[in-house]
Amino acid sequence: MAYETYMIKVKENVTCHQVQSIFKVILGLGGRIEMVAGKIIIASFESSYSELVKKTPGVELAGGINFKGRKIPKIVKRVSTEKQGDF
């Protein structure tokens, strides 16, 4: 099967140990954690394992997301060239 990107939403009352077990399940399947933001985990793993991830304790929702055909803007951090004050 092919690797796909999934958005995984964890439950509001999730414990630290449950989050760790979600990570262990994904990594144990040969997947990758792409990003974590608040109660959302973006991960890539084989689509055949999606039901297993959905049934993991602490997972509220797990669904595939598709970035194909969309341009993702490049984020560039610009630093001011102003001289910093002496301390």
PDB file of N, CA and C in Angstrom:
ATOM      1  N   MET A   1       0.846  -1.179   0.000  1.00  0.00           N
ATOM      2  CA  MET A   1       0.000   0.000   0.000  1.00  0.00           C
ATOM      3  C   MET A   1       0.891   1.242   0.000  1.00  0.00           C
ATOM      4  N   ALA A   2       0.277   2.353  -0.251  1.00  0.00           N
ATOM      5  CA  ALA A   2       1.013   3.607  -0.356  1.00  0.00           C
ATOM      6  C   ALA A   2       0.961   4.393   0.956  1.00  0.00           C
ATOM      7  N   TYR A   3       2.012   5.172   1.167  1.00  0.00           N
ATOM      8  CA  TYR A   3       2.027   6.070   2.313  1.00  0.00           C
ATOM      9  C   TYR A   3       1.091   7.231   2.030  1.00  0.00           C
ATOM     10  N   GLU A   4       0.330   7.625   3.047  1.00  0.00           N
ATOM     11  CA  GLU A   4      -0.562   8.766   2.948  1.00  0.00           C
ATOM     12  C   GLU A   4      -0.375   9.637   4.178  1.00  0.00           C
ATOM     13  N   THR A   5      -0.766  10.881   4.050  1.00  0.00           N
ATOM     14  CA  THR A   5      -0.682  11.825   5.158  1.00  0.00           C
ATOM     15  C   THR A   5      -2.035  11.881   5.852  1.00  0.00           C
ATOM     16  N   TYR A   6      -2.017  11.791   7.169  1.00  0.00           N
ATOM     17  CA  TYR A   6      -3.244  11.789   7.968  1.00  0.00           C
ATOM     18  C   TYR A   6      -3.207  12.903   9.008  1.00  0.00           C
ATOM     19  N   MET A   7      -4.382  13.451   9.279  1.00  0.00           N
ATOM     20  CA  MET A   7      -4.548  14.378  10.390  1.00  0.00           C
ATOM     21  C   MET A   7      -5.224  13.597  11.503  1.00  0.00           C
ATOM     22  N   ILE A   8      -4.598  13.581  12.664  1.00  0.00           N
ATOM     23  CA  ILE A   8      -5.112  12.836  13.806  1.00  0.00           C
ATOM     24  C   ILE A   8      -5.443  13.839  14.904  1.00  0.00           C
ATOM     25  N   LYS A   9      -6.707  13.868  15.298  1.00  0.00           N
ATOM     26  CA  LYS A   9      -7.138  14.743  16.387  1.00  0.00           C
ATOM     27  C   LYS A   9      -7.252  13.897  17.648  1.00  0.00           C
ATOM     28  N   VAL A  10      -6.603  14.344  18.709  1.00  0.00           N
ATOM     29  CA  VAL A  10      -6.674  13.601  19.964  1.00  0.00           C
ATOM     30  C   VAL A  10      -7.808  14.166  20.817  1.00  0.00           C
ATOM     31  N   LYS A  11      -8.314  13.343  21.717  1.00  0.00           N
ATOM     32  CA  LYS A  11      -9.440  13.737  22.578  1.00  0.00           C
ATOM     33  C   LYS A  11      -9.024  14.850  23.535  1.00  0.00           C
ATOM     34  N   GLU A  12     -10.009  15.589  23.996  1.00  0.00           N
ATOM     35  CA  GLU A  12      -9.751  16.711  24.911  1.00  0.00           C
ATOM     36  C   GLU A  12      -9.144  16.250  26.231  1.00  0.00           C
ATOM     37  N   ASN A  13      -9.579  15.112  26.738  1.00  0.00           N
ATOM     38  CA  ASN A  13      -9.123  14.640  28.048  1.00  0.00           C
ATOM     39  C   ASN A  13      -7.996  13.620  27.938  1.00  0.00           C
ATOM     40  N   VAL A  14      -7.208  13.693  26.883  1.00  0.00           N
ATOM     41  CA  VAL A  14      -6.131  12.727  26.655  1.00  0.00           C
ATOM     42  C   VAL A  14      -5.003  12.938  27.671  1.00  0.00           C
ATOM     43  N   THR A  15      -4.399  11.828  28.090  1.00  0.00           N
ATOM     44  CA  THR A  15      -3.273  11.915  29.021  1.00  0.00           C
ATOM     45  C   THR A  15      -1.962  11.886  28.243  1.00  0.00           C
ATOM     46  N   CYS A  16      -0.909  12.221  28.919  1.00  0.00           N
ATOM     47  CA  CYS A  16       0.425  12.211  28.314  1.00  0.00           C
ATOM     48  C   CYS A  16       0.799  10.809  27.856  1.00  0.00           C
ATOM     49  N   HIS A  17       0.448   9.821  28.646  1.00  0.00           N
ATOM     50  CA  HIS A  17       0.768   8.432  28.294  1.00  0.00           C
ATOM     51  C   HIS A  17       0.000   7.976  27.052  1.00  0.00           C
ATOM     52  N   GLN A  18      -1.237   8.450  26.888  1.00  0.00           N
ATOM     53  CA  GLN A  18      -2.005   8.099  25.706  1.00  0.00           C
ATOM     54  C   GLN A  18      -1.391   8.729  24.452  1.00  0.00           C
ATOM     55  N   VAL A  19      -0.928   9.963  24.564  1.00  0.00           N
ATOM     56  CA  VAL A  19      -0.266  10.619  23.431  1.00  0.00           C
ATOM     57  C   VAL A  19       1.006   9.864  23.066  1.00  0.00           C
ATOM     58  N   GLN A  20       1.759   9.450  24.071  1.00  0.00           N
ATOM     59  CA  GLN A  20       2.965   8.666  23.807  1.00  0.00           C
ATOM     60  C   GLN A  20       2.625   7.345  23.128  1.00  0.00           C
ATOM     61  N   SER A  21       1.525   6.721  23.523  1.00  0.00           N
ATOM     62  CA  SER A  21       1.141   5.455  22.891  1.00  0.00           C
ATOM     63  C   SER A  21       0.691   5.678  21.445  1.00  0.00           C
ATOM     64  N   ILE A  22       0.072   6.810  21.141  1.00  0.00           N
ATOM     65  CA  ILE A  22      -0.296   7.136  19.761  1.00  0.00           C
ATOM     66  C   ILE A  22       0.973   7.268  18.919  1.00  0.00           C
ATOM     67  N   PHE A  23       1.963   7.981  19.444  1.00  0.00           N
ATOM     68  CA  PHE A  23       3.240   8.124  18.742  1.00  0.00           C
ATOM     69  C   PHE A  23       3.896   6.762  18.517  1.00  0.00           C
ATOM     70  N   LYS A  24       3.877   5.906  19.545  1.00  0.00           N
ATOM     71  CA  LYS A  24       4.500   4.581  19.434  1.00  0.00           C
ATOM     72  C   LYS A  24       3.813   3.736  18.380  1.00  0.00           C
ATOM     73  N   VAL A  25       2.485   3.829  18.293  1.00  0.00           N
ATOM     74  CA  VAL A  25       1.743   3.056  17.286  1.00  0.00           C
ATOM     75  C   VAL A  25       2.155   3.519  15.884  1.00  0.00           C
ATOM     76  N   ILE A  26       2.169   4.823  15.670  1.00  0.00           N
ATOM     77  CA  ILE A  26       2.511   5.363  14.349  1.00  0.00           C
ATOM     78  C   ILE A  26       3.940   5.001  13.968  1.00  0.00           C
ATOM     79  N   LEU A  27       4.866   5.206  14.877  1.00  0.00           N
ATOM     80  CA  LEU A  27       6.270   4.905  14.590  1.00  0.00           C
ATOM     81  C   LEU A  27       6.499   3.406  14.461  1.00  0.00           C
ATOM     82  N   GLY A  28       5.755   2.612  15.226  1.00  0.00           N
ATOM     83  CA  GLY A  28       5.871   1.164  15.145  1.00  0.00           C
ATOM     84  C   GLY A  28       5.375   0.598  13.817  1.00  0.00           C
ATOM     85  N   LEU A  29       4.500   1.338  13.151  1.00  0.00           N
ATOM     86  CA  LEU A  29       3.990   0.925  11.848  1.00  0.00           C
ATOM     87  C   LEU A  29       4.913   1.343  10.716  1.00  0.00           C
ATOM     88  N   GLY A  30       6.012   2.003  11.079  1.00  0.00           N
ATOM     89  CA  GLY A  30       6.927   2.504  10.056  1.00  0.00           C
ATOM     90  C   GLY A  30       6.541   3.878   9.554  1.00  0.00           C
ATOM     91  N   GLY A  31       5.673   4.559  10.289  1.00  0.00           N
ATOM     92  CA  GLY A  31       5.216   5.888   9.897  1.00  0.00           C
ATOM     93  C   GLY A  31       6.121   6.985  10.401  1.00  0.00           C
ATOM     94  N   ARG A  32       5.766   8.208  10.050  1.00  0.00           N
ATOM     95  CA  ARG A  32       6.521   9.392  10.470  1.00  0.00           C
ATOM     96  C   ARG A  32       5.574  10.413  11.073  1.00  0.00           C
ATOM     97  N   ILE A  33       6.039  11.078  12.112  1.00  0.00           N
ATOM     98  CA  ILE A  33       5.306  12.199  12.686  1.00  0.00           C
ATOM     99  C   ILE A  33       5.799  13.437  11.945  1.00  0.00           C
ATOM    100  N   GLU A  34       4.919  14.082  11.209  1.00  0.00           N
ATOM    101  CA  GLU A  34       5.311  15.246  10.417  1.00  0.00           C
ATOM    102  C   GLU A  34       5.249  16.526  11.246  1.00  0.00           C
ATOM    103  N   MET A  35       4.178  16.668  12.050  1.00  0.00           N
ATOM    104  CA  MET A  35       4.002  17.900  12.806  1.00  0.00           C
ATOM    105  C   MET A  35       3.009  17.659  13.933  1.00  0.00           C
ATOM    106  N   VAL A  36       3.216  18.368  15.035  1.00  0.00           N
ATOM    107  CA  VAL A  36       2.279  18.341  16.155  1.00  0.00           C
ATOM    108  C   VAL A  36       1.927  19.788  16.475  1.00  0.00           C
ATOM    109  N   ALA A  37       0.629  20.079  16.516  1.00  0.00           N
ATOM    110  CA  ALA A  37       0.172  21.430  16.822  1.00  0.00           C
ATOM    111  C   ALA A  37      -1.048  21.325  17.723  1.00  0.00           C
ATOM    112  N   GLY A  38      -0.852  21.621  18.986  1.00  0.00           N
ATOM    113  CA  GLY A  38      -1.954  21.541  19.935  1.00  0.00           C
ATOM    114  C   GLY A  38      -2.449  20.112  20.072  1.00  0.00           C
ATOM    115  N   LYS A  39      -3.709  19.881  19.744  1.00  0.00           N
ATOM    116  CA  LYS A  39      -4.313  18.547  19.836  1.00  0.00           C
ATOM    117  C   LYS A  39      -4.368  17.853  18.475  1.00  0.00           C
ATOM    118  N   ILE A  40      -3.589  18.329  17.509  1.00  0.00           N
ATOM    119  CA  ILE A  40      -3.571  17.773  16.163  1.00  0.00           C
ATOM    120  C   ILE A  40      -2.189  17.198  15.864  1.00  0.00           C
ATOM    121  N   ILE A  41      -2.176  16.000  15.301  1.00  0.00           N
ATOM    122  CA  ILE A  41      -0.942  15.355  14.866  1.00  0.00           C
ATOM    123  C   ILE A  41      -1.058  15.128  13.366  1.00  0.00           C
ATOM    124  N   ILE A  42      -0.065  15.561  12.618  1.00  0.00           N
ATOM    125  CA  ILE A  42       0.013  15.264  11.194  1.00  0.00           C
ATOM    126  C   ILE A  42       1.057  14.159  11.057  1.00  0.00           C
ATOM    127  N   ALA A  43       0.656  13.035  10.490  1.00  0.00           N
ATOM    128  CA  ALA A  43       1.547  11.878  10.382  1.00  0.00           C
ATOM    129  C   ALA A  43       1.372  11.205   9.033  1.00  0.00           C
ATOM    130  N   SER A  44       2.434  10.528   8.584  1.00  0.00           N
ATOM    131  CA  SER A  44       2.383   9.760   7.343  1.00  0.00           C
ATOM    132  C   SER A  44       2.622   8.296   7.670  1.00  0.00           C
ATOM    133  N   PHE A  45       1.748   7.434   7.158  1.00  0.00           N
ATOM    134  CA  PHE A  45       1.907   5.994   7.327  1.00  0.00           C
ATOM    135  C   PHE A  45       1.095   5.295   6.242  1.00  0.00           C
ATOM    136  N   GLU A  46       1.277   3.980   6.141  1.00  0.00           N
ATOM    137  CA  GLU A  46       0.560   3.217   5.122  1.00  0.00           C
ATOM    138  C   GLU A  46      -0.941   3.253   5.394  1.00  0.00           C
ATOM    139  N   SER A  47      -1.701   3.439   4.333  1.00  0.00           N
ATOM    140  CA  SER A  47      -3.154   3.591   4.472  1.00  0.00           C
ATOM    141  C   SER A  47      -3.830   2.337   5.023  1.00  0.00           C
ATOM    142  N   SER A  48      -3.195   1.183   4.876  1.00  0.00           N
ATOM    143  CA  SER A  48      -3.804  -0.049   5.381  1.00  0.00           C
ATOM    144  C   SER A  48      -3.867  -0.085   6.904  1.00  0.00           C
ATOM    145  N   TYR A  49      -3.105   0.774   7.576  1.00  0.00           N
ATOM    146  CA  TYR A  49      -3.085   0.811   9.032  1.00  0.00           C
ATOM    147  C   TYR A  49      -3.979   1.906   9.618  1.00  0.00           C
ATOM    148  N   SER A  50      -4.759   2.578   8.799  1.00  0.00           N
ATOM    149  CA  SER A  50      -5.546   3.707   9.293  1.00  0.00           C
ATOM    150  C   SER A  50      -6.559   3.292  10.361  1.00  0.00           C
ATOM    151  N   GLU A  51      -7.189   2.130  10.202  1.00  0.00           N
ATOM    152  CA  GLU A  51      -8.171   1.675  11.193  1.00  0.00           C
ATOM    153  C   GLU A  51      -7.511   1.395  12.544  1.00  0.00           C
ATOM    154  N   LEU A  52      -6.306   0.858  12.523  1.00  0.00           N
ATOM    155  CA  LEU A  52      -5.576   0.597  13.761  1.00  0.00           C
ATOM    156  C   LEU A  52      -5.288   1.896  14.498  1.00  0.00           C
ATOM    157  N   VAL A  53      -4.887   2.930  13.768  1.00  0.00           N
ATOM    158  CA  VAL A  53      -4.606   4.230  14.389  1.00  0.00           C
ATOM    159  C   VAL A  53      -5.898   4.836  14.929  1.00  0.00           C
ATOM    160  N   LYS A  54      -7.000   4.719  14.195  1.00  0.00           N
ATOM    161  CA  LYS A  54      -8.282   5.267  14.636  1.00  0.00           C
ATOM    162  C   LYS A  54      -8.760   4.616  15.935  1.00  0.00           C
ATOM    163  N   LYS A  55      -8.424   3.341  16.135  1.00  0.00           N
ATOM    164  CA  LYS A  55      -8.867   2.611  17.326  1.00  0.00           C
ATOM    165  C   LYS A  55      -7.921   2.761  18.510  1.00  0.00           C
ATOM    166  N   THR A  56      -6.831   3.493  18.348  1.00  0.00           N
ATOM    167  CA  THR A  56      -5.876   3.706  19.435  1.00  0.00           C
ATOM    168  C   THR A  56      -6.522   4.580  20.508  1.00  0.00           C
ATOM    169  N   PRO A  57      -6.401   4.215  21.784  1.00  0.00           N
ATOM    170  CA  PRO A  57      -6.984   5.034  22.860  1.00  0.00           C
ATOM    171  C   PRO A  57      -6.446   6.466  22.823  1.00  0.00           C
ATOM    172  N   GLY A  58      -7.362   7.423  22.913  1.00  0.00           N
ATOM    173  CA  GLY A  58      -6.989   8.835  22.904  1.00  0.00           C
ATOM    174  C   GLY A  58      -7.215   9.503  21.564  1.00  0.00           C
ATOM    175  N   VAL A  59      -7.439   8.721  20.509  1.00  0.00           N
ATOM    176  CA  VAL A  59      -7.671   9.286  19.177  1.00  0.00           C
ATOM    177  C   VAL A  59      -9.157   9.566  19.015  1.00  0.00           C
ATOM    178  N   GLU A  60      -9.488  10.804  18.680  1.00  0.00           N
ATOM    179  CA  GLU A  60     -10.882  11.178  18.446  1.00  0.00           C
ATOM    180  C   GLU A  60     -11.237  11.049  16.970  1.00  0.00           C
ATOM    181  N   LEU A  61     -10.318  11.459  16.107  1.00  0.00           N
ATOM    182  CA  LEU A  61     -10.575  11.473  14.679  1.00  0.00           C
ATOM    183  C   LEU A  61      -9.268  11.267  13.933  1.00  0.00           C
ATOM    184  N   ALA A  62      -9.274  10.474  12.883  1.00  0.00           N
ATOM    185  CA  ALA A  62      -8.113  10.292  12.017  1.00  0.00           C
ATOM    186  C   ALA A  62      -8.611  10.229  10.587  1.00  0.00           C
ATOM    187  N   GLY A  63      -8.151  11.157   9.782  1.00  0.00           N
ATOM    188  CA  GLY A  63      -8.588  11.193   8.395  1.00  0.00           C
ATOM    189  C   GLY A  63      -7.458  11.599   7.475  1.00  0.00           C
ATOM    190  N   GLY A  64      -7.503  11.100   6.261  1.00  0.00           N
ATOM    191  CA  GLY A  64      -6.474  11.404   5.274  1.00  0.00           C
ATOM    192  C   GLY A  64      -6.603  12.825   4.757  1.00  0.00           C
ATOM    193  N   ILE A  65      -5.478  13.437   4.476  1.00  0.00           N
ATOM    194  CA  ILE A  65      -5.460  14.771   3.876  1.00  0.00           C
ATOM    195  C   ILE A  65      -4.621  14.698   2.609  1.00  0.00           C
ATOM    196  N   ASN A  66      -4.913  15.565   1.680  1.00  0.00           N
ATOM    197  CA  ASN A  66      -4.268  15.517   0.383  1.00  0.00           C
ATOM    198  C   ASN A  66      -3.719  16.892   0.046  1.00  0.00           C
ATOM    199  N   PHE A  67      -2.409  16.962  -0.230  1.00  0.00           N
ATOM    200  CA  PHE A  67      -1.774  18.219  -0.617  1.00  0.00           C
ATOM    201  C   PHE A  67      -1.494  18.267  -2.121  1.00  0.00           C
ATOM    202  N   LYS A  68      -1.810  17.204  -2.843  1.00  0.00           N
ATOM    203  CA  LYS A  68      -1.492  17.148  -4.264  1.00  0.00           C
ATOM    204  C   LYS A  68      -2.280  18.213  -5.029  1.00  0.00           C
ATOM    205  N   GLY A  69      -1.589  18.877  -5.926  1.00  0.00           N
ATOM    206  CA  GLY A  69      -2.237  19.891  -6.745  1.00  0.00           C
ATOM    207  C   GLY A  69      -2.359  21.243  -6.085  1.00  0.00           C
ATOM    208  N   ARG A  70      -1.980  21.343  -4.847  1.00  0.00           N
ATOM    209  CA  ARG A  70      -2.058  22.626  -4.145  1.00  0.00           C
ATOM    210  C   ARG A  70      -0.656  23.139  -3.888  1.00  0.00           C
ATOM    211  N   LYS A  71      -0.485  24.412  -4.080  1.00  0.00           N
ATOM    212  CA  LYS A  71       0.807  25.002  -3.777  1.00  0.00           C
ATOM    213  C   LYS A  71       0.804  25.434  -2.319  1.00  0.00           C
ATOM    214  N   ILE A  72       1.796  24.995  -1.609  1.00  0.00           N
ATOM    215  CA  ILE A  72       1.942  25.379  -0.210  1.00  0.00           C
ATOM    216  C   ILE A  72       2.917  26.538  -0.171  1.00  0.00           C
ATOM    217  N   PRO A  73       2.489  27.685   0.358  1.00  0.00           N
ATOM    218  CA  PRO A  73       3.370  28.849   0.330  1.00  0.00           C
ATOM    219  C   PRO A  73       4.614  28.639   1.195  1.00  0.00           C
ATOM    220  N   LYS A  74       5.723  29.124   0.694  1.00  0.00           N
ATOM    221  CA  LYS A  74       6.971  29.048   1.438  1.00  0.00           C
ATOM    222  C   LYS A  74       6.966  30.152   2.486  1.00  0.00           C
ATOM    223  N   ILE A  75       7.231  29.786   3.719  1.00  0.00           N
ATOM    224  CA  ILE A  75       7.252  30.755   4.809  1.00  0.00           C
ATOM    225  C   ILE A  75       8.687  31.200   5.016  1.00  0.00           C
ATOM    226  N   VAL A  76       8.910  32.492   4.890  1.00  0.00           N
ATOM    227  CA  VAL A  76      10.253  33.043   5.031  1.00  0.00           C
ATOM    228  C   VAL A  76      10.250  34.000   6.209  1.00  0.00           C
ATOM    229  N   LYS A  77      11.155  33.767   7.125  1.00  0.00           N
ATOM    230  CA  LYS A  77      11.275  34.656   8.276  1.00  0.00           C
ATOM    231  C   LYS A  77      12.275  35.738   7.920  1.00  0.00           C
ATOM    232  N   ARG A  78      11.854  36.960   8.037  1.00  0.00           N
ATOM    233  CA  ARG A  78      12.744  38.075   7.727  1.00  0.00           C
ATOM    234  C   ARG A  78      13.223  38.712   9.023  1.00  0.00           C
ATOM    235  N   VAL A  79      14.487  38.980   9.066  1.00  0.00           N
ATOM    236  CA  VAL A  79      15.090  39.562  10.256  1.00  0.00           C
ATOM    237  C   VAL A  79      15.437  41.005   9.957  1.00  0.00           C
ATOM    238  N   SER A  80      15.098  41.868  10.867  1.00  0.00           N
ATOM    239  CA  SER A  80      15.393  43.281  10.706  1.00  0.00           C
ATOM    240  C   SER A  80      16.894  43.498  10.762  1.00  0.00           C
ATOM    241  N   THR A  81      17.368  44.425   9.953  1.00  0.00           N
ATOM    242  CA  THR A  81      18.810  44.712   9.937  1.00  0.00           C
ATOM    243  C   THR A  81      19.160  45.848  10.887  1.00  0.00           C
ATOM    244  N   GLU A  82      18.215  46.256  11.707  1.00  0.00           N
ATOM    245  CA  GLU A  82      18.479  47.323  12.667  1.00  0.00           C
ATOM    246  C   GLU A  82      19.553  46.888  13.654  1.00  0.00           C
ATOM    247  N   LYS A  83      20.376  47.845  14.058  1.00  0.00           N
ATOM    248  CA  LYS A  83      21.432  47.567  15.014  1.00  0.00           C
ATOM    249  C   LYS A  83      20.822  47.362  16.400  1.00  0.00           C
ATOM    250  N   GLN A  84      21.234  46.295  17.046  1.00  0.00           N
ATOM    251  CA  GLN A  84      20.746  46.001  18.386  1.00  0.00           C
ATOM    252  C   GLN A  84      21.452  46.910  19.402  1.00  0.00           C
ATOM    253  N   GLY A  85      20.719  47.343  20.418  1.00  0.00           N
ATOM    254  CA  GLY A  85      21.267  48.212  21.439  1.00  0.00           C
ATOM    255  C   GLY A  85      22.278  47.492  22.332  1.00  0.00           C
ATOM    256  N   ASP A  86      23.222  48.231  22.889  1.00  0.00           N
ATOM    257  CA  ASP A  86      24.205  47.654  23.802  1.00  0.00           C
ATOM    258  C   ASP A  86      23.581  47.429  25.167  1.00  0.00           C
ATOM    259  N   PHE A  87      24.004  46.389  25.826  1.00  0.00           N
ATOM    260  CA  PHE A  87      23.465  46.090  27.159  1.00  0.00           C
ATOM    261  C   PHE A  87      24.443  46.437  28.202  1.00  0.00           C
TER     262      PHE A  87
END
